[in-house]
């Protein structure tokens, strides 16, 4: 077990582009590094009852656990099937996207693992990437092919699906495809009122002038369908990977230079600058006002005046 400490981070800071963003922080706010030592951090998920954070180190095939009570960091699951995105459902269970096994799983309260999805229409999924839960119990996830493109984050394999898509698992376990016009669907998040679903496309990783944006869809929760899909925001540095929404409707997203915050109209209003690329983030803490950020090699946190819109 390693014991973390609060470390001020050289090369970090708060960059205010619009007055609204300044109000998201108290005057003495600093970026804190909680731990370092990963190859590629991803998928942070906050467990309120236990006051701990779980996240993935994909290439090292491990999941880690940071304890809010003493700052210690320990192994949560090794091996972990090259886990990527994680979240917590409304019953406090861990939902996980696994690259190596090309599946979505749920860790039950007793520690057993239930497979929720590993194929669609009889064909293996690509490599589930990120995941979110609706309050009606449905589970929505993205399925790009990053985990089968090489052996670095999974296992090289030929795709069986006809592309990279977005899926929904209903409360009966039935899986439907809800979006099929993406290059590389990646991060996913509901708005605070669940009227919209935001999904990033990181197709620029493999396509010259490919997409590097977040799209916004209207959600018909009764029918389990999406409509619209207009571009909400373009990334100005690197790519939007994982992101979360706060209770005011703002989107806080990972990017090439840290975290970008976008207002409800899509305008970039400010940044949390880090010395390395960010992969994902989530809100946690007892008041859901602590932003946990997975940088490339490190876990960071920033106390904000905003509050996360959903658990996990």
Protein backbone atom coordinates (compact mmCIF):
# COMPACT_ATOMS: atom_id res chain seq x y z
CA UNK A 1 0.00 0.00 0.00
CA UNK A 2 1.26 3.44 -0.92
CA UNK A 3 0.42 6.59 1.00
CA UNK A 4 -0.32 9.61 -1.11
CA UNK A 5 0.12 13.21 -0.13
CA UNK A 6 -1.18 16.54 -1.30
CA UNK A 7 1.42 17.96 -3.66
CA UNK A 8 1.22 21.30 -5.42
CA UNK A 9 1.76 20.65 -9.13
CA UNK A 10 4.29 22.66 -11.09
CA UNK A 11 2.88 23.81 -14.41
CA UNK A 12 -0.70 23.66 -13.21
CA UNK A 13 -3.23 26.40 -12.65
CA UNK A 14 -6.67 27.83 -13.28
CA UNK A 15 -7.16 29.69 -16.58
CA UNK A 16 -10.25 31.90 -16.57
CA UNK A 17 -11.65 32.72 -20.02
CA UNK A 18 -15.12 33.91 -18.91
CA UNK A 19 -16.27 35.36 -15.54
CA UNK A 20 -18.56 32.36 -14.95
CA UNK A 21 -15.55 30.09 -14.58
CA UNK A 22 -13.92 32.24 -11.90
CA UNK A 23 -16.98 31.67 -9.71
CA UNK A 24 -16.29 27.92 -9.81
CA UNK A 25 -13.31 28.32 -7.45
CA UNK A 26 -12.35 29.98 -4.20
CA UNK A 27 -9.43 32.38 -4.42
CA UNK A 28 -6.74 30.09 -3.02
CA UNK A 29 -7.64 27.00 -5.07
CA UNK A 30 -4.70 24.83 -6.10
CA UNK A 31 -4.34 21.69 -8.18
CA UNK A 32 -3.23 18.75 -6.02
CA UNK A 33 -1.44 15.61 -7.17
CA UNK A 34 -2.66 12.66 -5.10
CA UNK A 35 -0.56 9.91 -6.69
CA UNK A 36 1.77 9.20 -9.61
CA UNK A 37 3.10 6.07 -11.30
CA UNK A 38 0.71 4.98 -14.08
CA UNK A 39 1.13 4.54 -17.82
CA UNK A 40 -2.36 5.74 -18.79
CA UNK A 41 -4.94 6.62 -16.12
CA UNK A 42 -8.63 6.38 -16.99
CA UNK A 43 -12.14 5.75 -15.70
CA UNK A 44 -12.35 7.30 -12.19
CA UNK A 45 -15.43 6.29 -10.17
CA UNK A 46 -16.31 7.66 -6.73
CA UNK A 47 -17.85 5.41 -4.06
CA UNK A 48 -19.56 7.73 -1.60
CA UNK A 49 -20.36 5.14 1.07
CA UNK A 50 -16.74 4.06 1.40
CA UNK A 51 -15.15 7.44 0.64
CA UNK A 52 -12.82 6.04 -1.97
CA UNK A 53 -12.05 6.42 -5.66
CA UNK A 54 -11.38 3.57 -8.09
CA UNK A 55 -9.64 4.15 -11.42
CA UNK A 56 -7.90 2.26 -14.25
CA UNK A 57 -4.30 2.07 -15.40
CA UNK A 58 -5.10 0.45 -18.73
CA UNK A 59 -1.70 -0.65 -20.14
CA UNK A 60 -0.60 -1.96 -16.74
CA UNK A 61 -3.78 -4.06 -16.54
CA UNK A 62 -4.70 -2.89 -13.05
CA UNK A 63 -7.30 -0.90 -11.17
CA UNK A 64 -6.27 1.29 -8.25
CA UNK A 65 -8.04 2.60 -5.16
CA UNK A 66 -7.46 5.96 -3.45
CA UNK A 67 -8.77 6.23 0.13
CA UNK A 68 -10.10 9.63 1.18
CA UNK A 69 -9.74 8.78 4.89
CA UNK A 70 -5.94 8.49 4.86
CA UNK A 71 -4.71 9.29 1.33
CA UNK A 72 -3.44 5.75 0.71
CA UNK A 73 -3.40 4.12 -2.71
CA UNK A 74 -3.69 0.36 -3.08
CA UNK A 75 -4.39 -2.23 -5.75
CA UNK A 76 -8.10 -2.73 -6.33
CA UNK A 77 -8.02 -5.41 -9.05
CA UNK A 78 -5.03 -7.06 -10.76
CA UNK A 79 -5.37 -8.23 -13.48
CA UNK A 80 -8.44 -6.29 -14.55
CA UNK A 81 -8.82 -7.20 -18.24
CA UNK A 82 -7.37 -3.83 -19.31
CA UNK A 83 -10.28 -1.95 -17.78
CA UNK A 84 -11.05 1.49 -19.22
CA UNK A 85 -14.18 3.41 -18.17
CA UNK A 86 -15.95 2.87 -14.84
CA UNK A 87 -18.97 4.33 -13.10
CA UNK A 88 -21.23 3.61 -10.14
CA UNK A 89 -24.89 2.73 -10.58
CA UNK A 90 -27.74 3.96 -8.38
CA UNK A 91 -27.38 0.87 -6.16
CA UNK A 92 -23.71 1.61 -5.49
CA UNK A 93 -22.31 -1.14 -7.75
CA UNK A 94 -19.27 -0.78 -9.98
CA UNK A 95 -19.89 -0.83 -13.75
CA UNK A 96 -16.83 -1.42 -15.88
CA UNK A 97 -15.75 -1.42 -19.53
CA UNK A 98 -13.14 -4.11 -20.19
CA UNK A 99 -10.94 -3.92 -23.29
CA UNK A 100 -9.32 -7.35 -23.08
CA UNK A 101 -12.58 -9.31 -22.78
CA UNK A 102 -14.53 -6.82 -24.93
CA UNK A 103 -17.35 -6.64 -22.42
CA UNK A 104 -19.28 -4.53 -19.91
CA UNK A 105 -19.46 -5.93 -16.38
CA UNK A 106 -21.02 -5.15 -13.02
CA UNK A 107 -19.32 -5.93 -9.72
CA UNK A 108 -22.04 -7.02 -7.30
CA UNK A 109 -22.15 -6.11 -3.62
CA UNK A 110 -20.76 -9.53 -2.73
CA UNK A 111 -17.81 -9.11 -5.11
CA UNK A 112 -18.98 -11.41 -7.89
CA UNK A 113 -18.85 -10.13 -11.46
CA UNK A 114 -21.85 -10.16 -13.78
CA UNK A 115 -21.38 -9.80 -17.55
CA UNK A 116 -23.89 -7.26 -18.86
CA UNK A 117 -22.82 -7.13 -22.51
CA UNK A 118 -20.14 -8.80 -24.62
CA UNK A 119 -21.82 -9.00 -28.02
CA UNK A 120 -24.43 -7.39 -30.21
CA UNK A 121 -26.51 -9.43 -32.66
CA UNK A 122 -24.29 -12.44 -32.06
CA UNK A 123 -21.01 -10.66 -32.80
CA UNK A 124 -18.36 -9.60 -30.29
CA UNK A 125 -18.22 -5.95 -29.28
CA UNK A 126 -15.10 -3.96 -30.22
CA UNK A 127 -13.78 -2.77 -26.85
CA UNK A 128 -16.27 -0.95 -24.59
CA UNK A 129 -14.74 2.35 -23.56
CA UNK A 130 -16.89 4.54 -21.32
CA UNK A 131 -20.19 4.11 -19.53
CA UNK A 132 -22.99 6.03 -17.83
CA UNK A 133 -26.22 5.13 -16.02
CA UNK A 134 -29.66 6.71 -16.42
CA UNK A 135 -31.84 7.06 -13.32
CA UNK A 136 -34.32 4.60 -14.89
CA UNK A 137 -31.66 1.89 -14.54
CA UNK A 138 -30.60 1.71 -18.18
CA UNK A 139 -26.89 1.62 -18.98
CA UNK A 140 -25.35 3.43 -21.95
CA UNK A 141 -21.84 2.79 -23.27
CA UNK A 142 -19.51 3.60 -26.15
CA UNK A 143 -17.68 0.95 -28.19
CA UNK A 144 -14.73 2.24 -30.25
CA UNK A 145 -11.97 -0.15 -31.32
CA UNK A 146 -9.01 1.19 -29.33
CA UNK A 147 -8.68 -2.03 -27.33
CA UNK A 148 -8.37 -4.27 -30.39
CA UNK A 149 -6.20 -2.00 -32.53
CA UNK A 150 -3.01 -3.13 -30.77
CA UNK A 151 -1.81 -5.08 -27.75
CA UNK A 152 -1.11 -1.94 -25.70
CA UNK A 153 -4.58 -1.46 -24.16
CA UNK A 154 -6.03 -4.89 -24.85
CA UNK A 155 -5.44 -7.56 -27.48
CA UNK A 156 -5.10 -7.02 -31.21
CA UNK A 157 -8.07 -8.54 -33.02
CA UNK A 158 -10.24 -8.08 -36.08
CA UNK A 159 -13.49 -6.22 -35.43
CA UNK A 160 -16.72 -8.15 -35.77
CA UNK A 161 -19.03 -5.14 -35.66
CA UNK A 162 -19.49 -2.99 -38.77
CA UNK A 163 -18.17 0.12 -37.04
CA UNK A 164 -17.80 1.91 -33.72
CA UNK A 165 -21.16 2.61 -32.11
CA UNK A 166 -23.06 3.53 -28.94
CA UNK A 167 -25.32 1.06 -27.10
CA UNK A 168 -27.99 0.93 -24.41
CA UNK A 169 -28.71 -1.93 -22.01
CA UNK A 170 -32.26 -1.78 -20.63
CA UNK A 171 -33.35 -3.09 -17.25
CA UNK A 172 -34.19 -6.50 -18.75
CA UNK A 173 -30.66 -6.87 -20.16
CA UNK A 174 -31.67 -6.25 -23.77
CA UNK A 175 -29.04 -4.40 -25.82
CA UNK A 176 -29.86 -1.89 -28.54
CA UNK A 177 -27.69 0.29 -30.74
CA UNK A 178 -28.61 3.94 -30.19
CA UNK A 179 -26.06 5.79 -32.35
CA UNK A 180 -24.17 4.55 -35.40
CA UNK A 181 -22.71 7.65 -37.07
CA UNK A 182 -19.51 8.02 -35.03
CA UNK A 183 -15.90 7.51 -36.00
CA UNK A 184 -14.62 6.72 -32.47
CA UNK A 185 -17.30 7.29 -29.80
CA UNK A 186 -15.55 7.82 -26.50
CA UNK A 187 -16.70 9.80 -23.43
CA UNK A 188 -20.38 9.77 -22.48
CA UNK A 189 -22.44 11.71 -19.95
CA UNK A 190 -26.05 12.74 -19.26
CA UNK A 191 -27.04 16.34 -18.60
CA UNK A 192 -28.16 17.19 -15.09
CA UNK A 193 -31.85 16.72 -16.01
CA UNK A 194 -31.14 13.72 -18.29
CA UNK A 195 -32.79 15.47 -21.23
CA UNK A 196 -29.53 15.33 -23.18
CA UNK A 197 -26.78 12.78 -23.70
CA UNK A 198 -23.32 14.08 -24.54
CA UNK A 199 -20.91 11.83 -26.45
CA UNK A 200 -17.41 12.68 -27.61
CA UNK A 201 -15.91 11.54 -30.91
CA UNK A 202 -12.13 11.12 -30.94
CA UNK A 203 -11.81 9.98 -34.53
CA UNK A 204 -8.91 12.40 -34.99
CA UNK A 205 -6.69 9.77 -33.37
CA UNK A 206 -6.82 7.75 -36.59
CA UNK A 207 -8.17 10.11 -39.27
CA UNK A 208 -6.49 13.21 -40.63
CA UNK A 209 -8.82 16.11 -39.80
CA UNK A 210 -11.08 13.59 -38.06
CA UNK A 211 -13.60 14.57 -35.38
CA UNK A 212 -12.41 15.99 -32.05
CA UNK A 213 -15.66 17.17 -30.55
CA UNK A 214 -18.57 16.50 -28.20
CA UNK A 215 -22.04 15.99 -29.66
CA UNK A 216 -25.36 16.54 -27.89
CA UNK A 217 -28.37 14.27 -28.33
CA UNK A 218 -31.93 14.62 -27.06
CA UNK A 219 -33.00 11.63 -24.98
CA UNK A 220 -36.36 9.87 -25.24
CA UNK A 221 -36.00 7.81 -22.06
CA UNK A 222 -39.37 6.08 -22.51
CA UNK A 223 -38.41 4.74 -25.92
CA UNK A 224 -34.71 4.43 -25.14
CA UNK A 225 -33.80 6.43 -28.24
CA UNK A 226 -31.70 9.44 -29.20
CA UNK A 227 -32.33 12.24 -31.68
CA UNK A 228 -30.37 15.25 -32.85
CA UNK A 229 -26.64 14.86 -32.36
CA UNK A 230 -25.37 18.33 -33.20
CA UNK A 231 -21.80 19.29 -32.34
CA UNK A 232 -21.77 20.88 -28.88
CA UNK A 233 -18.10 21.84 -28.63
CA UNK A 234 -14.85 21.43 -30.57
CA UNK A 235 -11.69 20.63 -28.66
CA UNK A 236 -9.04 23.35 -28.90
CA UNK A 237 -6.20 21.24 -27.50
CA UNK A 238 -5.95 17.52 -28.15
CA UNK A 239 -9.16 15.53 -27.74
CA UNK A 240 -12.18 15.33 -25.45
CA UNK A 241 -11.94 11.93 -23.78
CA UNK A 242 -13.97 11.45 -20.58
CA UNK A 243 -16.16 14.17 -19.07
CA UNK A 244 -18.90 14.92 -16.54
CA UNK A 245 -21.72 17.43 -16.10
CA UNK A 246 -22.32 19.61 -13.04
CA UNK A 247 -25.66 20.64 -11.56
CA UNK A 248 -25.59 23.92 -13.52
CA UNK A 249 -25.36 22.09 -16.84
CA UNK A 250 -21.69 22.83 -17.52
CA UNK A 251 -19.49 20.16 -19.09
CA UNK A 252 -16.08 19.48 -17.50
CA UNK A 253 -13.97 17.49 -19.95
CA UNK A 254 -10.49 16.04 -20.19
CA UNK A 255 -8.31 17.53 -22.94
CA UNK A 256 -4.73 17.70 -24.14
CA UNK A 257 -3.68 20.39 -21.67
CA UNK A 258 -5.84 19.37 -18.70
CA UNK A 259 -9.55 20.02 -18.16
CA UNK A 260 -11.79 22.25 -20.28
CA UNK A 261 -15.06 23.62 -18.92
CA UNK A 262 -17.87 24.47 -21.33
CA UNK A 263 -21.00 26.48 -20.56
CA UNK A 264 -24.45 25.20 -21.47
CA UNK A 265 -24.22 26.90 -24.88
CA UNK A 266 -20.95 25.11 -25.65
CA UNK A 267 -18.63 28.08 -25.09
CA UNK A 268 -15.26 27.33 -23.51
CA UNK A 269 -15.22 29.35 -20.27
CA UNK A 270 -12.02 28.15 -18.63
CA UNK A 271 -9.39 25.48 -18.08
CA UNK A 272 -7.68 23.58 -15.30
CA UNK A 273 -4.17 23.39 -16.75
CA UNK A 274 -2.10 20.29 -16.02
CA UNK A 275 1.49 19.39 -16.96
CA UNK A 276 0.21 16.34 -18.87
CA UNK A 277 -2.75 15.18 -20.92
CA UNK A 278 -5.94 14.31 -19.04
CA UNK A 279 -7.88 11.15 -19.86
CA UNK A 280 -10.99 11.30 -17.69
CA UNK A 281 -12.51 12.83 -14.58
CA UNK A 282 -15.37 12.61 -12.11
CA UNK A 283 -16.89 14.53 -9.22
CA UNK A 284 -16.56 13.07 -5.74
CA UNK A 285 -16.09 13.89 -2.08
CA UNK A 286 -18.80 14.09 0.54
CA UNK A 287 -20.38 17.11 -1.20
CA UNK A 288 -19.57 15.98 -4.75
CA UNK A 289 -17.53 19.16 -5.15
CA UNK A 290 -14.08 17.62 -5.56
CA UNK A 291 -13.01 17.05 -9.14
CA UNK A 292 -10.83 13.95 -9.51
CA UNK A 293 -8.77 14.00 -12.71
CA UNK A 294 -6.92 11.12 -14.33
CA UNK A 295 -3.83 12.55 -16.01
CA UNK A 296 -1.62 10.35 -18.15
CA UNK A 297 0.56 9.19 -15.25
CA UNK A 298 -1.06 10.76 -12.19
CA UNK A 299 -4.24 11.25 -10.19
CA UNK A 300 -5.08 14.89 -9.47
CA UNK A 301 -7.85 16.68 -7.61
CA UNK A 302 -9.24 20.21 -7.40
CA UNK A 303 -11.85 21.51 -4.97
CA UNK A 304 -14.52 23.50 -6.87
CA UNK A 305 -17.67 25.40 -5.98
CA UNK A 306 -19.60 23.34 -8.55
CA UNK A 307 -21.26 20.01 -7.72
CA UNK A 308 -21.39 16.89 -9.87
CA UNK A 309 -24.78 16.15 -11.38
CA UNK A 310 -24.78 12.39 -10.83
CA UNK A 311 -23.14 9.79 -8.60
CA UNK A 312 -20.01 7.98 -9.68
